[in-house]
Each structure stands twice: as C-alpha cells, then as structure tokens.
N, C-alpha and C. Protein backbone atom coordinates (compact mmCIF):
# COMPACT_ATOMS: atom_id res chain seq x y z
N MET A 1 -13.42 -6.33 15.79
CA MET A 1 -12.47 -6.22 14.70
C MET A 1 -11.32 -5.34 15.13
N THR A 2 -10.11 -5.78 14.84
CA THR A 2 -8.92 -5.04 15.20
C THR A 2 -8.31 -4.40 13.97
N VAL A 3 -8.08 -3.09 14.06
CA VAL A 3 -7.48 -2.32 12.97
C VAL A 3 -6.10 -1.86 13.42
N LEU A 4 -5.10 -2.15 12.62
CA LEU A 4 -3.73 -1.78 12.93
C LEU A 4 -3.27 -0.66 12.00
N VAL A 5 -2.78 0.42 12.58
CA VAL A 5 -2.15 1.50 11.83
C VAL A 5 -0.67 1.43 12.18
N PRO A 6 0.17 0.93 11.24
CA PRO A 6 1.59 0.78 11.52
C PRO A 6 2.34 2.10 11.50
N PRO A 7 3.60 2.07 11.87
CA PRO A 7 4.39 3.30 11.93
C PRO A 7 4.71 3.88 10.56
N TYR A 8 4.32 3.21 9.48
CA TYR A 8 4.65 3.67 8.14
C TYR A 8 3.72 4.78 7.66
N VAL A 9 2.65 5.02 8.38
CA VAL A 9 1.78 6.14 8.03
C VAL A 9 2.55 7.40 8.39
N GLN A 10 2.59 8.36 7.49
CA GLN A 10 3.38 9.56 7.72
C GLN A 10 3.05 10.17 9.07
N ALA A 11 4.08 10.59 9.76
CA ALA A 11 3.94 11.08 11.12
C ALA A 11 2.89 12.17 11.25
N GLY A 12 2.83 13.08 10.30
CA GLY A 12 1.86 14.16 10.38
C GLY A 12 0.43 13.70 10.17
N GLY A 13 0.26 12.63 9.39
CA GLY A 13 -1.08 12.16 9.08
C GLY A 13 -1.62 11.11 10.04
N ALA A 14 -0.75 10.42 10.73
CA ALA A 14 -1.19 9.32 11.59
C ALA A 14 -2.15 9.76 12.69
N PRO A 15 -1.85 10.82 13.45
CA PRO A 15 -2.79 11.21 14.50
C PRO A 15 -4.17 11.58 13.94
N TYR A 16 -4.18 12.27 12.80
CA TYR A 16 -5.46 12.62 12.18
C TYR A 16 -6.22 11.38 11.75
N LEU A 17 -5.52 10.45 11.12
CA LEU A 17 -6.14 9.22 10.65
C LEU A 17 -6.70 8.40 11.81
N VAL A 18 -5.90 8.22 12.85
CA VAL A 18 -6.34 7.45 14.01
C VAL A 18 -7.56 8.10 14.66
N GLU A 19 -7.54 9.40 14.82
CA GLU A 19 -8.68 10.10 15.43
C GLU A 19 -9.92 9.99 14.55
N ALA A 20 -9.75 10.11 13.24
CA ALA A 20 -10.89 10.01 12.33
C ALA A 20 -11.53 8.63 12.39
N ILE A 21 -10.71 7.58 12.46
CA ILE A 21 -11.25 6.23 12.58
C ILE A 21 -11.98 6.07 13.91
N ARG A 22 -11.38 6.55 14.98
CA ARG A 22 -12.00 6.42 16.30
C ARG A 22 -13.33 7.17 16.39
N GLU A 23 -13.42 8.33 15.77
CA GLU A 23 -14.67 9.09 15.78
C GLU A 23 -15.77 8.37 15.02
N ARG A 24 -15.42 7.79 13.90
CA ARG A 24 -16.42 7.17 13.04
C ARG A 24 -16.79 5.76 13.47
N ARG A 25 -15.83 5.05 14.05
CA ARG A 25 -16.05 3.66 14.45
C ARG A 25 -15.48 3.38 15.83
N PRO A 26 -16.14 3.91 16.88
CA PRO A 26 -15.63 3.69 18.23
C PRO A 26 -15.69 2.22 18.67
N ASP A 27 -16.42 1.40 17.93
CA ASP A 27 -16.54 -0.02 18.27
C ASP A 27 -15.31 -0.84 17.86
N LEU A 28 -14.44 -0.26 17.04
CA LEU A 28 -13.25 -0.98 16.59
C LEU A 28 -12.15 -0.96 17.64
N ASP A 29 -11.40 -2.02 17.69
CA ASP A 29 -10.18 -2.06 18.50
C ASP A 29 -9.08 -1.50 17.61
N LEU A 30 -8.67 -0.27 17.84
CA LEU A 30 -7.71 0.41 16.99
C LEU A 30 -6.35 0.46 17.67
N VAL A 31 -5.34 -0.02 16.96
CA VAL A 31 -3.97 -0.03 17.48
C VAL A 31 -3.11 0.83 16.56
N HIS A 32 -2.51 1.86 17.12
CA HIS A 32 -1.56 2.68 16.36
C HIS A 32 -0.17 2.32 16.86
N ALA A 33 0.56 1.55 16.08
CA ALA A 33 1.90 1.11 16.45
C ALA A 33 2.90 2.23 16.17
N GLU A 34 3.66 2.59 17.16
CA GLU A 34 4.62 3.68 17.04
C GLU A 34 5.96 3.24 16.43
N ASP A 35 6.22 1.92 16.44
CA ASP A 35 7.48 1.42 15.89
C ASP A 35 7.28 -0.01 15.37
N ASP A 36 8.31 -0.55 14.73
CA ASP A 36 8.21 -1.89 14.15
C ASP A 36 7.93 -2.96 15.19
N GLU A 37 8.53 -2.84 16.36
CA GLU A 37 8.32 -3.84 17.42
C GLU A 37 6.86 -3.88 17.85
N ALA A 38 6.26 -2.72 18.06
CA ALA A 38 4.85 -2.66 18.45
C ALA A 38 3.95 -3.15 17.32
N MET A 39 4.33 -2.84 16.09
CA MET A 39 3.55 -3.30 14.94
C MET A 39 3.53 -4.82 14.87
N LEU A 40 4.70 -5.44 15.00
CA LEU A 40 4.78 -6.89 14.92
C LEU A 40 4.09 -7.57 16.10
N ALA A 41 4.09 -6.92 17.25
CA ALA A 41 3.39 -7.48 18.42
C ALA A 41 1.88 -7.44 18.22
N ALA A 42 1.37 -6.41 17.56
CA ALA A 42 -0.07 -6.26 17.33
C ALA A 42 -0.56 -7.01 16.10
N ALA A 43 0.33 -7.33 15.19
CA ALA A 43 -0.04 -7.93 13.90
C ALA A 43 -0.85 -9.23 14.01
N PRO A 44 -0.53 -10.16 14.92
CA PRO A 44 -1.30 -11.41 14.95
C PRO A 44 -2.80 -11.22 15.22
N ASP A 45 -3.18 -10.14 15.87
CA ASP A 45 -4.59 -9.90 16.18
C ASP A 45 -5.27 -9.00 15.16
N ALA A 46 -4.52 -8.47 14.21
CA ALA A 46 -5.08 -7.50 13.26
C ALA A 46 -5.95 -8.17 12.20
N ASP A 47 -7.15 -7.62 12.02
CA ASP A 47 -8.02 -8.03 10.93
C ASP A 47 -7.83 -7.10 9.73
N VAL A 48 -7.50 -5.84 10.02
CA VAL A 48 -7.34 -4.81 9.00
C VAL A 48 -6.04 -4.05 9.27
N VAL A 49 -5.32 -3.72 8.20
CA VAL A 49 -4.14 -2.87 8.31
C VAL A 49 -4.37 -1.67 7.40
N VAL A 50 -4.21 -0.47 7.96
CA VAL A 50 -4.32 0.78 7.20
C VAL A 50 -2.91 1.34 7.11
N THR A 51 -2.33 1.38 5.90
CA THR A 51 -0.91 1.66 5.80
C THR A 51 -0.53 2.25 4.45
N GLY A 52 0.68 2.73 4.39
CA GLY A 52 1.25 3.22 3.15
C GLY A 52 2.17 2.20 2.51
N ARG A 53 2.59 1.22 3.28
CA ARG A 53 3.40 0.13 2.73
C ARG A 53 3.22 -1.11 3.60
N VAL A 54 3.48 -2.26 3.00
CA VAL A 54 3.26 -3.53 3.69
C VAL A 54 4.51 -4.39 3.56
N PRO A 55 5.37 -4.37 4.57
CA PRO A 55 6.58 -5.21 4.50
C PRO A 55 6.23 -6.69 4.72
N ASP A 56 7.08 -7.55 4.21
CA ASP A 56 6.84 -8.99 4.33
C ASP A 56 6.67 -9.44 5.77
N GLU A 57 7.47 -8.86 6.69
CA GLU A 57 7.37 -9.31 8.09
C GLU A 57 6.01 -8.98 8.70
N LEU A 58 5.36 -7.93 8.23
CA LEU A 58 4.01 -7.62 8.70
C LEU A 58 3.03 -8.66 8.19
N LEU A 59 3.10 -8.99 6.92
CA LEU A 59 2.20 -10.01 6.37
C LEU A 59 2.44 -11.38 7.00
N ASP A 60 3.70 -11.71 7.26
CA ASP A 60 4.02 -12.99 7.90
C ASP A 60 3.44 -13.08 9.31
N ALA A 61 3.42 -11.97 10.02
CA ALA A 61 2.96 -11.97 11.41
C ALA A 61 1.45 -11.82 11.55
N ALA A 62 0.78 -11.36 10.51
CA ALA A 62 -0.65 -11.06 10.59
C ALA A 62 -1.48 -12.25 10.10
N ALA A 63 -1.60 -13.25 10.92
CA ALA A 63 -2.27 -14.50 10.56
C ALA A 63 -3.77 -14.32 10.31
N ASN A 64 -4.40 -13.36 10.96
CA ASN A 64 -5.85 -13.16 10.83
C ASN A 64 -6.22 -12.05 9.86
N LEU A 65 -5.25 -11.52 9.13
CA LEU A 65 -5.47 -10.37 8.28
C LEU A 65 -6.49 -10.67 7.18
N GLN A 66 -7.49 -9.77 7.06
CA GLN A 66 -8.52 -9.92 6.05
C GLN A 66 -8.51 -8.79 5.03
N TRP A 67 -7.93 -7.65 5.42
CA TRP A 67 -8.01 -6.47 4.55
C TRP A 67 -6.77 -5.61 4.74
N VAL A 68 -6.23 -5.11 3.64
CA VAL A 68 -5.15 -4.12 3.68
C VAL A 68 -5.67 -2.89 2.97
N GLN A 69 -5.81 -1.80 3.71
CA GLN A 69 -6.25 -0.54 3.12
C GLN A 69 -5.01 0.30 2.83
N CYS A 70 -4.74 0.51 1.55
CA CYS A 70 -3.57 1.27 1.13
C CYS A 70 -3.89 2.75 1.10
N LEU A 71 -2.99 3.55 1.62
CA LEU A 71 -3.17 5.00 1.66
C LEU A 71 -2.47 5.68 0.50
N SER A 72 -2.41 5.01 -0.61
CA SER A 72 -1.75 5.58 -1.77
C SER A 72 -2.70 5.50 -2.96
N ALA A 73 -2.34 6.19 -4.01
CA ALA A 73 -3.18 6.22 -5.20
C ALA A 73 -3.02 4.94 -6.03
N GLY A 74 -1.98 4.19 -5.78
CA GLY A 74 -1.74 2.97 -6.53
C GLY A 74 -1.09 1.92 -5.67
N VAL A 75 -0.98 0.73 -6.20
CA VAL A 75 -0.38 -0.38 -5.47
C VAL A 75 0.82 -0.93 -6.23
N ASP A 76 1.48 -0.07 -6.98
CA ASP A 76 2.58 -0.50 -7.84
C ASP A 76 3.70 -1.21 -7.09
N PHE A 77 3.93 -0.83 -5.86
CA PHE A 77 5.05 -1.39 -5.10
C PHE A 77 4.66 -2.54 -4.19
N PHE A 78 3.38 -2.94 -4.23
CA PHE A 78 2.93 -4.04 -3.39
C PHE A 78 3.05 -5.36 -4.13
N ASP A 79 3.50 -6.38 -3.43
CA ASP A 79 3.59 -7.72 -3.99
C ASP A 79 2.21 -8.37 -3.90
N LEU A 80 1.47 -8.26 -4.95
CA LEU A 80 0.10 -8.77 -4.95
C LEU A 80 0.06 -10.28 -5.13
C-alpha cells in the first residue's frame, strides 16, 4: 500500500507525521512529496493520501486512490 503525504501538510508537522507513520507501519510505501510536481508524480500509485487539502489535480492524477485522510476537524471545504 502506498501512502502519499503531499506538500500541503504544514511544514512543521510533516516531518513528525511522516516519522510517526513510518514507526507504526514500516511495511507501507510512504511518499512525502515536497512540492506539487513530486505530488503529482507520486499520485498515480497512491492508495491513501494524508493531507490538509485535496486539490482537483491530485484527485485527477490518483487513479488508485482508496482513502483520503483529512488532517482537519471538518471537511467543509472538500468537494464531497
């Protein structure tokens, strides 16, 4: 399973989040995209996206996406 952490995760929290996922689930293929280009390159293989926002271009590129884990208290701004 491939988990994508896009660049939209706050800079201060991303390293902590990535390390926490790696510690708990070393069997996952974890990709932390540093910019939009890297995110879109990794998106076709992503099964899971852990993010604070989901732009249309990410959803369009993520053909295998099964789960979006939102890092917010609500999903008011997501196009459900």
